[in-house]
Amino acid sequence: MASYYAIALLSMLAFSILVATALDDKELKATLYIKQSFAQDQRPGGTDTVIINWPIKDGPGDAANTIGHAEGLTTNANPAKPFWVTIMDMVFEDGSLAGSSLEVMGLHSYKNINLGQGQWSVMGGTGELTMARGIINYNITQEDSASRTFELCIYVYYTPLDAILALGDVGRKP
């Protein structure tokens, strides 16, 4: 009989921790831009693979501020299809998200395929964006032989770092 009480107590404790963390979730909705310069911000990493370090901007024009970089890899896994698999960390170095990052993965294509639109998954984050999850809808707004501009509409839920640190204090002696 005591084991039933223990199971019930542990279940209630687990549920209360889940509810407490869910209530602490925050939402990030932002529009940012990535400027992909083919000759400047990326280098070959092998056949059909490119190492990227694309600037993240707070606006679409040349006067926009660089607030971070999208760093990672993009590879054309199937040369018969012009889709690139991209795995990157969006590392924020300036602005309100400075010191945070988003871990992003997904496909992108050339502007003439799917009208230059697509979606990437957000599978994690660091700093203020800890435990981020969500999506990034993108639209290629400019493309020529030298560069491409992505407009990113970011929709992310995350648990602020303070909320996670507070959970770490549970069960500690003062």
N, C-alpha and C. Protein backbone atom coordinates (compact mmCIF):
# COMPACT_ATOMS: atom_id res chain seq x y z
N MET A 1 0.82 -1.19 0.00
CA MET A 1 0.00 0.00 0.00
C MET A 1 0.86 1.25 0.00
N ALA A 2 1.97 1.19 0.71
CA ALA A 2 2.86 2.34 0.78
C ALA A 2 3.43 2.68 -0.59
N SER A 3 3.66 1.63 -1.42
CA SER A 3 4.21 1.89 -2.74
C SER A 3 3.22 2.65 -3.63
N TYR A 4 1.91 2.43 -3.42
CA TYR A 4 0.92 3.18 -4.18
C TYR A 4 0.98 4.66 -3.82
N TYR A 5 1.15 4.94 -2.54
CA TYR A 5 1.27 6.34 -2.09
C TYR A 5 2.54 6.97 -2.65
N ALA A 6 3.61 6.23 -2.67
CA ALA A 6 4.86 6.74 -3.21
C ALA A 6 4.73 7.04 -4.70
N ILE A 7 4.10 6.15 -5.44
CA ILE A 7 3.89 6.36 -6.87
C ILE A 7 3.00 7.58 -7.10
N ALA A 8 1.94 7.70 -6.32
CA ALA A 8 1.04 8.85 -6.45
C ALA A 8 1.77 10.14 -6.13
N LEU A 9 2.57 10.15 -5.08
CA LEU A 9 3.32 11.34 -4.69
C LEU A 9 4.33 11.72 -5.76
N LEU A 10 5.06 10.74 -6.30
CA LEU A 10 6.03 11.01 -7.37
C LEU A 10 5.34 11.52 -8.63
N SER A 11 4.19 10.96 -8.96
CA SER A 11 3.44 11.42 -10.14
C SER A 11 3.00 12.86 -9.96
N MET A 12 2.50 13.21 -8.77
CA MET A 12 2.07 14.59 -8.52
C MET A 12 3.27 15.54 -8.58
N LEU A 13 4.40 15.13 -8.04
CA LEU A 13 5.61 15.95 -8.08
C LEU A 13 6.06 16.17 -9.52
N ALA A 14 6.10 15.11 -10.33
CA ALA A 14 6.51 15.23 -11.73
C ALA A 14 5.55 16.14 -12.49
N PHE A 15 4.24 16.00 -12.26
CA PHE A 15 3.26 16.84 -12.93
C PHE A 15 3.44 18.30 -12.53
N SER A 16 3.68 18.57 -11.25
CA SER A 16 3.84 19.96 -10.81
C SER A 16 5.09 20.59 -11.39
N ILE A 17 6.16 19.82 -11.56
CA ILE A 17 7.38 20.35 -12.18
C ILE A 17 7.11 20.66 -13.65
N LEU A 18 6.40 19.77 -14.37
CA LEU A 18 6.08 20.02 -15.77
C LEU A 18 5.21 21.25 -15.93
N VAL A 19 4.21 21.41 -15.08
CA VAL A 19 3.33 22.56 -15.15
C VAL A 19 4.10 23.83 -14.85
N ALA A 20 4.98 23.79 -13.84
CA ALA A 20 5.75 24.97 -13.48
C ALA A 20 6.65 25.41 -14.62
N THR A 21 7.31 24.48 -15.30
CA THR A 21 8.20 24.88 -16.39
C THR A 21 7.40 25.33 -17.60
N ALA A 22 6.25 24.71 -17.86
CA ALA A 22 5.44 25.14 -19.00
C ALA A 22 4.95 26.57 -18.81
N LEU A 23 4.63 26.94 -17.59
CA LEU A 23 4.15 28.29 -17.33
C LEU A 23 5.25 29.33 -17.49
N ASP A 24 6.52 28.90 -17.43
CA ASP A 24 7.63 29.82 -17.56
C ASP A 24 8.06 30.04 -19.01
N ASP A 25 7.46 29.30 -19.95
CA ASP A 25 7.85 29.45 -21.35
C ASP A 25 7.56 30.85 -21.85
N LYS A 26 8.45 31.30 -22.70
CA LYS A 26 8.30 32.60 -23.36
C LYS A 26 8.19 32.35 -24.85
N GLU A 27 7.77 33.37 -25.56
CA GLU A 27 7.60 33.26 -27.01
C GLU A 27 8.45 34.32 -27.68
N LEU A 28 9.13 33.93 -28.75
CA LEU A 28 9.89 34.86 -29.56
C LEU A 28 9.29 34.88 -30.95
N LYS A 29 8.85 36.05 -31.37
CA LYS A 29 8.42 36.28 -32.74
C LYS A 29 9.28 37.42 -33.26
N ALA A 30 10.04 37.13 -34.30
CA ALA A 30 10.95 38.15 -34.83
C ALA A 30 11.11 37.98 -36.33
N THR A 31 11.40 39.06 -37.00
CA THR A 31 11.75 39.03 -38.41
C THR A 31 13.19 39.51 -38.54
N LEU A 32 14.04 38.64 -39.05
CA LEU A 32 15.45 38.95 -39.25
C LEU A 32 15.82 38.58 -40.68
N TYR A 33 17.04 38.90 -41.06
CA TYR A 33 17.49 38.67 -42.43
C TYR A 33 18.87 38.03 -42.43
N ILE A 34 19.07 37.10 -43.35
CA ILE A 34 20.39 36.52 -43.58
C ILE A 34 20.84 36.95 -44.97
N LYS A 35 22.05 37.47 -45.03
CA LYS A 35 22.64 37.86 -46.30
C LYS A 35 23.69 36.81 -46.67
N GLN A 36 23.42 36.02 -47.69
CA GLN A 36 24.32 34.96 -48.14
C GLN A 36 25.13 35.51 -49.32
N SER A 37 26.41 35.80 -49.09
CA SER A 37 27.31 36.22 -50.17
C SER A 37 28.13 35.01 -50.57
N PHE A 38 27.96 34.56 -51.79
CA PHE A 38 28.55 33.31 -52.23
C PHE A 38 30.08 33.30 -52.14
N ALA A 39 30.73 34.40 -52.47
CA ALA A 39 32.19 34.44 -52.50
C ALA A 39 32.80 34.86 -51.17
N GLN A 40 32.03 35.49 -50.30
CA GLN A 40 32.60 36.11 -49.11
C GLN A 40 32.32 35.35 -47.81
N ASP A 41 31.12 34.85 -47.59
CA ASP A 41 30.70 34.35 -46.29
C ASP A 41 30.54 32.83 -46.23
N GLN A 42 31.19 32.14 -47.15
CA GLN A 42 31.14 30.68 -47.16
C GLN A 42 32.34 30.15 -47.92
N ARG A 43 32.69 28.90 -47.62
CA ARG A 43 33.83 28.27 -48.30
C ARG A 43 33.54 26.79 -48.51
N PRO A 44 34.15 26.21 -49.53
CA PRO A 44 33.90 24.79 -49.80
C PRO A 44 34.37 23.90 -48.65
N GLY A 45 33.59 22.88 -48.37
CA GLY A 45 33.95 21.91 -47.34
C GLY A 45 34.03 20.51 -47.91
N GLY A 46 34.07 20.41 -49.21
CA GLY A 46 34.08 19.12 -49.89
C GLY A 46 33.11 19.17 -51.05
N THR A 47 32.95 18.05 -51.71
CA THR A 47 32.02 17.98 -52.83
C THR A 47 30.59 18.23 -52.35
N ASP A 48 29.95 19.22 -52.92
CA ASP A 48 28.56 19.56 -52.61
C ASP A 48 28.31 19.97 -51.16
N THR A 49 29.35 20.38 -50.44
CA THR A 49 29.20 20.86 -49.06
C THR A 49 29.86 22.21 -48.93
N VAL A 50 29.19 23.11 -48.23
CA VAL A 50 29.69 24.47 -48.04
C VAL A 50 29.66 24.78 -46.55
N ILE A 51 30.76 25.35 -46.04
CA ILE A 51 30.82 25.82 -44.66
C ILE A 51 30.37 27.27 -44.67
N ILE A 52 29.38 27.58 -43.83
CA ILE A 52 28.75 28.91 -43.89
C ILE A 52 29.05 29.74 -42.65
N ASN A 53 29.10 31.04 -42.87
CA ASN A 53 29.20 32.04 -41.81
C ASN A 53 28.47 33.28 -42.32
N TRP A 54 27.16 33.13 -42.50
CA TRP A 54 26.34 34.18 -43.08
C TRP A 54 25.96 35.22 -42.02
N PRO A 55 26.06 36.52 -42.34
CA PRO A 55 25.62 37.54 -41.38
C PRO A 55 24.11 37.54 -41.17
N ILE A 56 23.71 37.72 -39.92
CA ILE A 56 22.30 37.90 -39.57
C ILE A 56 22.10 39.39 -39.36
N LYS A 57 21.13 39.95 -40.05
CA LYS A 57 20.88 41.40 -40.01
C LYS A 57 19.52 41.69 -39.38
N ASP A 58 19.40 42.91 -38.83
CA ASP A 58 18.12 43.31 -38.24
C ASP A 58 17.19 43.99 -39.23
N GLY A 59 17.61 44.11 -40.47
CA GLY A 59 16.79 44.71 -41.52
C GLY A 59 17.23 44.23 -42.89
N PRO A 60 16.46 44.57 -43.93
CA PRO A 60 16.75 44.03 -45.26
C PRO A 60 17.82 44.79 -46.04
N GLY A 61 18.06 46.03 -45.74
CA GLY A 61 18.93 46.85 -46.58
C GLY A 61 20.39 46.80 -46.18
N ASP A 62 21.21 47.48 -46.98
CA ASP A 62 22.65 47.54 -46.72
C ASP A 62 22.97 48.26 -45.41
N ALA A 63 22.09 49.15 -44.97
CA ALA A 63 22.33 49.91 -43.74
C ALA A 63 21.94 49.13 -42.48
N ALA A 64 21.39 47.95 -42.64
CA ALA A 64 20.96 47.15 -41.48
C ALA A 64 22.17 46.72 -40.65
N ASN A 65 21.95 46.56 -39.35
CA ASN A 65 23.00 46.15 -38.42
C ASN A 65 23.19 44.64 -38.44
N THR A 66 24.44 44.22 -38.38
CA THR A 66 24.74 42.80 -38.22
C THR A 66 24.62 42.47 -36.74
N ILE A 67 23.72 41.54 -36.39
CA ILE A 67 23.51 41.20 -34.97
C ILE A 67 24.01 39.80 -34.63
N GLY A 68 24.51 39.08 -35.63
CA GLY A 68 25.02 37.74 -35.39
C GLY A 68 25.40 37.07 -36.68
N HIS A 69 25.62 35.76 -36.59
CA HIS A 69 26.01 34.98 -37.76
C HIS A 69 25.32 33.61 -37.73
N ALA A 70 24.98 33.13 -38.92
CA ALA A 70 24.48 31.77 -39.09
C ALA A 70 25.70 30.93 -39.47
N GLU A 71 26.11 30.05 -38.56
CA GLU A 71 27.35 29.29 -38.74
C GLU A 71 27.02 27.81 -38.81
N GLY A 72 27.57 27.14 -39.82
CA GLY A 72 27.32 25.70 -39.94
C GLY A 72 27.67 25.16 -41.30
N LEU A 73 26.85 24.23 -41.76
CA LEU A 73 27.08 23.53 -43.03
C LEU A 73 25.81 23.53 -43.85
N THR A 74 25.99 23.54 -45.16
CA THR A 74 24.89 23.28 -46.06
C THR A 74 25.42 22.35 -47.14
N THR A 75 24.63 21.35 -47.46
CA THR A 75 25.09 20.35 -48.41
C THR A 75 23.97 19.96 -49.37
N ASN A 76 24.34 19.73 -50.61
CA ASN A 76 23.40 19.27 -51.61
C ASN A 76 23.52 17.75 -51.65
N ALA A 77 22.68 17.10 -50.86
CA ALA A 77 22.77 15.65 -50.69
C ALA A 77 22.35 14.88 -51.94
N ASN A 78 21.52 15.48 -52.78
CA ASN A 78 21.06 14.83 -54.00
C ASN A 78 21.23 15.81 -55.16
N PRO A 79 22.33 15.74 -55.89
CA PRO A 79 22.59 16.70 -56.97
C PRO A 79 21.50 16.76 -58.04
N ALA A 80 20.65 15.74 -58.14
CA ALA A 80 19.55 15.76 -59.11
C ALA A 80 18.46 16.74 -58.70
N LYS A 81 18.44 17.12 -57.43
CA LYS A 81 17.44 18.06 -56.92
C LYS A 81 18.16 19.28 -56.35
N PRO A 82 17.72 20.47 -56.67
CA PRO A 82 18.43 21.67 -56.18
C PRO A 82 18.01 22.09 -54.77
N PHE A 83 17.92 21.15 -53.86
CA PHE A 83 17.60 21.45 -52.47
C PHE A 83 18.85 21.23 -51.63
N TRP A 84 19.10 22.13 -50.72
CA TRP A 84 20.27 22.07 -49.85
C TRP A 84 19.81 21.78 -48.42
N VAL A 85 20.45 20.83 -47.76
CA VAL A 85 20.22 20.54 -46.35
C VAL A 85 21.14 21.46 -45.55
N THR A 86 20.55 22.24 -44.66
CA THR A 86 21.32 23.21 -43.89
C THR A 86 21.23 22.89 -42.41
N ILE A 87 22.37 22.85 -41.76
CA ILE A 87 22.47 22.66 -40.32
C ILE A 87 23.31 23.82 -39.80
N MET A 88 22.70 24.67 -38.95
CA MET A 88 23.43 25.87 -38.53
C MET A 88 23.02 26.30 -37.13
N ASP A 89 23.94 27.03 -36.51
CA ASP A 89 23.66 27.73 -35.27
C ASP A 89 23.53 29.21 -35.62
N MET A 90 22.42 29.80 -35.21
CA MET A 90 22.27 31.25 -35.36
C MET A 90 22.79 31.86 -34.06
N VAL A 91 24.00 32.40 -34.12
CA VAL A 91 24.69 32.92 -32.95
C VAL A 91 24.49 34.43 -32.91
N PHE A 92 23.84 34.91 -31.84
CA PHE A 92 23.54 36.33 -31.71
C PHE A 92 24.63 37.01 -30.89
N GLU A 93 25.24 38.02 -31.48
CA GLU A 93 26.37 38.71 -30.86
C GLU A 93 26.03 40.13 -30.43
N ASP A 94 24.91 40.66 -30.90
CA ASP A 94 24.53 42.03 -30.61
C ASP A 94 23.02 42.12 -30.51
N GLY A 95 22.51 43.19 -29.96
CA GLY A 95 21.07 43.37 -29.84
C GLY A 95 20.49 42.66 -28.62
N SER A 96 19.18 42.54 -28.58
CA SER A 96 18.50 41.99 -27.41
C SER A 96 18.77 40.50 -27.21
N LEU A 97 19.22 39.79 -28.25
CA LEU A 97 19.49 38.35 -28.13
C LEU A 97 20.97 38.04 -27.96
N ALA A 98 21.80 39.05 -27.75
CA ALA A 98 23.25 38.85 -27.62
C ALA A 98 23.56 37.79 -26.56
N GLY A 99 24.48 36.89 -26.89
CA GLY A 99 24.86 35.82 -25.98
C GLY A 99 23.99 34.59 -26.09
N SER A 100 23.03 34.58 -26.99
CA SER A 100 22.12 33.45 -27.19
C SER A 100 22.33 32.86 -28.57
N SER A 101 21.80 31.65 -28.77
CA SER A 101 21.85 31.04 -30.09
C SER A 101 20.61 30.18 -30.30
N LEU A 102 20.34 29.91 -31.57
CA LEU A 102 19.30 28.97 -31.97
C LEU A 102 19.94 27.90 -32.83
N GLU A 103 19.58 26.64 -32.60
CA GLU A 103 20.06 25.54 -33.41
C GLU A 103 18.99 25.24 -34.45
N VAL A 104 19.37 25.33 -35.73
CA VAL A 104 18.41 25.31 -36.83
C VAL A 104 18.81 24.25 -37.86
N MET A 105 17.79 23.62 -38.47
CA MET A 105 18.06 22.62 -39.50
C MET A 105 16.89 22.58 -40.48
N GLY A 106 17.19 22.34 -41.75
CA GLY A 106 16.14 22.18 -42.74
C GLY A 106 16.67 22.31 -44.15
N LEU A 107 15.75 22.32 -45.10
CA LEU A 107 16.07 22.42 -46.52
C LEU A 107 15.89 23.85 -47.00
N HIS A 108 16.68 24.23 -47.99
CA HIS A 108 16.36 25.44 -48.74
C HIS A 108 16.67 25.22 -50.21
N SER A 109 15.99 26.01 -51.02
CA SER A 109 16.10 25.83 -52.46
C SER A 109 16.38 27.17 -53.12
N TYR A 110 16.59 27.12 -54.39
CA TYR A 110 16.79 28.34 -55.17
C TYR A 110 15.47 29.07 -55.30
N LYS A 111 15.57 30.39 -55.58
CA LYS A 111 14.37 31.21 -55.63
C LYS A 111 13.35 30.72 -56.65
N ASN A 112 13.79 30.16 -57.76
CA ASN A 112 12.83 29.72 -58.77
C ASN A 112 12.15 28.40 -58.43
N ILE A 113 12.53 27.75 -57.34
CA ILE A 113 11.88 26.52 -56.88
C ILE A 113 11.06 26.90 -55.63
N ASN A 114 9.83 26.47 -55.55
CA ASN A 114 8.96 26.78 -54.40
C ASN A 114 8.86 28.28 -54.14
N LEU A 115 9.06 29.07 -55.16
CA LEU A 115 9.01 30.53 -55.06
C LEU A 115 9.96 31.07 -54.00
N GLY A 116 11.02 30.32 -53.70
CA GLY A 116 12.01 30.79 -52.73
C GLY A 116 11.52 30.77 -51.30
N GLN A 117 10.50 30.00 -51.01
CA GLN A 117 9.95 29.95 -49.66
C GLN A 117 10.20 28.58 -49.06
N GLY A 118 10.29 28.55 -47.74
CA GLY A 118 10.47 27.28 -47.06
C GLY A 118 10.39 27.44 -45.56
N GLN A 119 10.78 26.38 -44.87
CA GLN A 119 10.68 26.36 -43.42
C GLN A 119 11.83 25.57 -42.84
N TRP A 120 12.40 26.08 -41.76
CA TRP A 120 13.45 25.38 -41.02
C TRP A 120 12.93 25.07 -39.63
N SER A 121 13.46 24.02 -39.02
CA SER A 121 13.11 23.64 -37.65
C SER A 121 14.10 24.27 -36.68
N VAL A 122 13.58 24.75 -35.57
CA VAL A 122 14.42 25.20 -34.46
C VAL A 122 14.38 24.08 -33.43
N MET A 123 15.56 23.52 -33.13
CA MET A 123 15.62 22.32 -32.30
C MET A 123 16.35 22.53 -30.99
N GLY A 124 16.66 23.75 -30.66
CA GLY A 124 17.34 24.02 -29.40
C GLY A 124 17.83 25.44 -29.37
N GLY A 125 18.37 25.80 -28.23
CA GLY A 125 18.90 27.14 -28.07
C GLY A 125 19.75 27.23 -26.83
N THR A 126 20.50 28.31 -26.74
CA THR A 126 21.35 28.55 -25.58
C THR A 126 21.14 29.98 -25.10
N GLY A 127 21.74 30.28 -23.95
CA GLY A 127 21.59 31.62 -23.38
C GLY A 127 20.16 31.87 -22.98
N GLU A 128 19.64 33.04 -23.31
CA GLU A 128 18.26 33.37 -22.97
C GLU A 128 17.27 32.47 -23.72
N LEU A 129 17.68 31.89 -24.83
CA LEU A 129 16.80 31.07 -25.66
C LEU A 129 16.94 29.57 -25.36
N THR A 130 17.29 29.25 -24.12
CA THR A 130 17.49 27.85 -23.73
C THR A 130 16.24 27.02 -24.01
N MET A 131 16.47 25.81 -24.48
CA MET A 131 15.41 24.85 -24.79
C MET A 131 14.43 25.38 -25.83
N ALA A 132 14.92 26.14 -26.80
CA ALA A 132 14.06 26.69 -27.85
C ALA A 132 13.53 25.58 -28.74
N ARG A 133 12.31 25.78 -29.21
CA ARG A 133 11.70 24.88 -30.17
C ARG A 133 10.69 25.69 -30.97
N GLY A 134 10.66 25.42 -32.26
CA GLY A 134 9.75 26.17 -33.12
C GLY A 134 10.14 26.06 -34.57
N ILE A 135 9.77 27.07 -35.33
CA ILE A 135 10.03 27.08 -36.77
C ILE A 135 10.51 28.44 -37.22
N ILE A 136 11.15 28.43 -38.37
CA ILE A 136 11.50 29.66 -39.07
C ILE A 136 10.94 29.52 -40.48
N ASN A 137 10.01 30.38 -40.83
CA ASN A 137 9.53 30.46 -42.20
C ASN A 137 10.44 31.45 -42.91
N TYR A 138 10.95 31.06 -44.08
CA TYR A 138 11.82 31.98 -44.79
C TYR A 138 11.29 32.25 -46.19
N ASN A 139 11.71 33.38 -46.71
CA ASN A 139 11.39 33.80 -48.05
C ASN A 139 12.66 34.41 -48.64
N ILE A 140 13.07 33.96 -49.80
CA ILE A 140 14.22 34.56 -50.47
C ILE A 140 13.71 35.83 -51.14
N THR A 141 14.15 36.98 -50.63
CA THR A 141 13.65 38.27 -51.13
C THR A 141 14.53 38.86 -52.21
N GLN A 142 15.77 38.40 -52.31
CA GLN A 142 16.70 38.91 -53.33
C GLN A 142 17.65 37.79 -53.69
N GLU A 143 17.92 37.68 -54.99
CA GLU A 143 18.91 36.69 -55.43
C GLU A 143 19.50 37.14 -56.75
N ASP A 144 20.82 37.11 -56.83
CA ASP A 144 21.52 37.36 -58.08
C ASP A 144 22.74 36.45 -58.11
N SER A 145 23.65 36.68 -59.02
CA SER A 145 24.80 35.78 -59.17
C SER A 145 25.80 35.89 -58.02
N ALA A 146 25.71 36.94 -57.21
CA ALA A 146 26.69 37.14 -56.13
C ALA A 146 26.13 36.89 -54.74
N SER A 147 24.80 37.00 -54.56
CA SER A 147 24.27 36.91 -53.19
C SER A 147 22.79 36.52 -53.20
N ARG A 148 22.33 36.25 -51.99
CA ARG A 148 20.93 35.90 -51.76
C ARG A 148 20.56 36.46 -50.39
N THR A 149 19.35 36.99 -50.26
CA THR A 149 18.86 37.49 -48.98
C THR A 149 17.64 36.68 -48.56
N PHE A 150 17.71 36.14 -47.34
CA PHE A 150 16.60 35.41 -46.74
C PHE A 150 15.89 36.32 -45.74
N GLU A 151 14.58 36.45 -45.85
CA GLU A 151 13.78 37.07 -44.79
C GLU A 151 13.31 35.94 -43.90
N LEU A 152 13.63 36.02 -42.60
CA LEU A 152 13.31 34.96 -41.65
C LEU A 152 12.19 35.42 -40.72
N CYS A 153 11.10 34.68 -40.67
CA CYS A 153 10.03 34.93 -39.70
C CYS A 153 10.15 33.84 -38.65
N ILE A 154 10.65 34.21 -37.49
CA ILE A 154 11.00 33.27 -36.43
C ILE A 154 9.84 33.16 -35.44
N TYR A 155 9.40 31.92 -35.18
CA TYR A 155 8.36 31.63 -34.19
C TYR A 155 8.92 30.56 -33.26
N VAL A 156 9.27 30.96 -32.04
CA VAL A 156 9.97 30.05 -31.13
C VAL A 156 9.38 30.17 -29.73
N TYR A 157 9.25 29.02 -29.07
CA TYR A 157 8.99 28.98 -27.63
C TYR A 157 10.28 28.56 -26.96
N TYR A 158 10.58 29.16 -25.81
CA TYR A 158 11.80 28.82 -25.08
C TYR A 158 11.56 28.98 -23.59
N THR A 159 12.42 28.35 -22.82
CA THR A 159 12.37 28.48 -21.37
C THR A 159 13.55 29.36 -20.96
N PRO A 160 13.29 30.54 -20.41
CA PRO A 160 14.39 31.44 -20.06
C PRO A 160 15.39 30.78 -19.12
N LEU A 161 16.63 31.17 -19.25
CA LEU A 161 17.70 30.60 -18.46
C LEU A 161 17.43 30.74 -16.96
N ASP A 162 16.85 31.85 -16.53
CA ASP A 162 16.55 32.05 -15.11
C ASP A 162 15.60 30.97 -14.57
N ALA A 163 14.61 30.58 -15.39
CA ALA A 163 13.65 29.56 -14.96
C ALA A 163 14.34 28.21 -14.81
N ILE A 164 15.29 27.90 -15.69
CA ILE A 164 16.00 26.64 -15.60
C ILE A 164 16.94 26.63 -14.40
N LEU A 165 17.61 27.74 -14.16
CA LEU A 165 18.51 27.82 -13.00
C LEU A 165 17.72 27.69 -11.70
N ALA A 166 16.50 28.24 -11.67
CA ALA A 166 15.67 28.12 -10.48
C ALA A 166 15.30 26.67 -10.22
N LEU A 167 15.05 25.89 -11.29
CA LEU A 167 14.74 24.48 -11.11
C LEU A 167 15.93 23.72 -10.53
N GLY A 168 17.14 24.16 -10.85
CA GLY A 168 18.33 23.51 -10.34
C GLY A 168 18.47 23.66 -8.84
N ASP A 169 17.81 24.65 -8.25
CA ASP A 169 17.89 24.89 -6.80
C ASP A 169 16.99 23.95 -6.02
N VAL A 170 16.08 23.23 -6.71
CA VAL A 170 15.17 22.34 -6.00
C VAL A 170 15.97 21.23 -5.33
N GLY A 171 15.75 21.05 -4.04
CA GLY A 171 16.41 19.97 -3.31
C GLY A 171 17.79 20.33 -2.77
N ARG A 172 18.29 21.54 -3.06
CA ARG A 172 19.59 21.95 -2.52
C ARG A 172 19.43 22.51 -1.13
N LYS A 173 20.44 22.27 -0.32
CA LYS A 173 20.43 22.86 1.01
C LYS A 173 20.95 24.28 0.92
N PRO A 174 20.37 25.20 1.71
CA PRO A 174 20.83 26.61 1.66
C PRO A 174 22.25 26.76 2.17
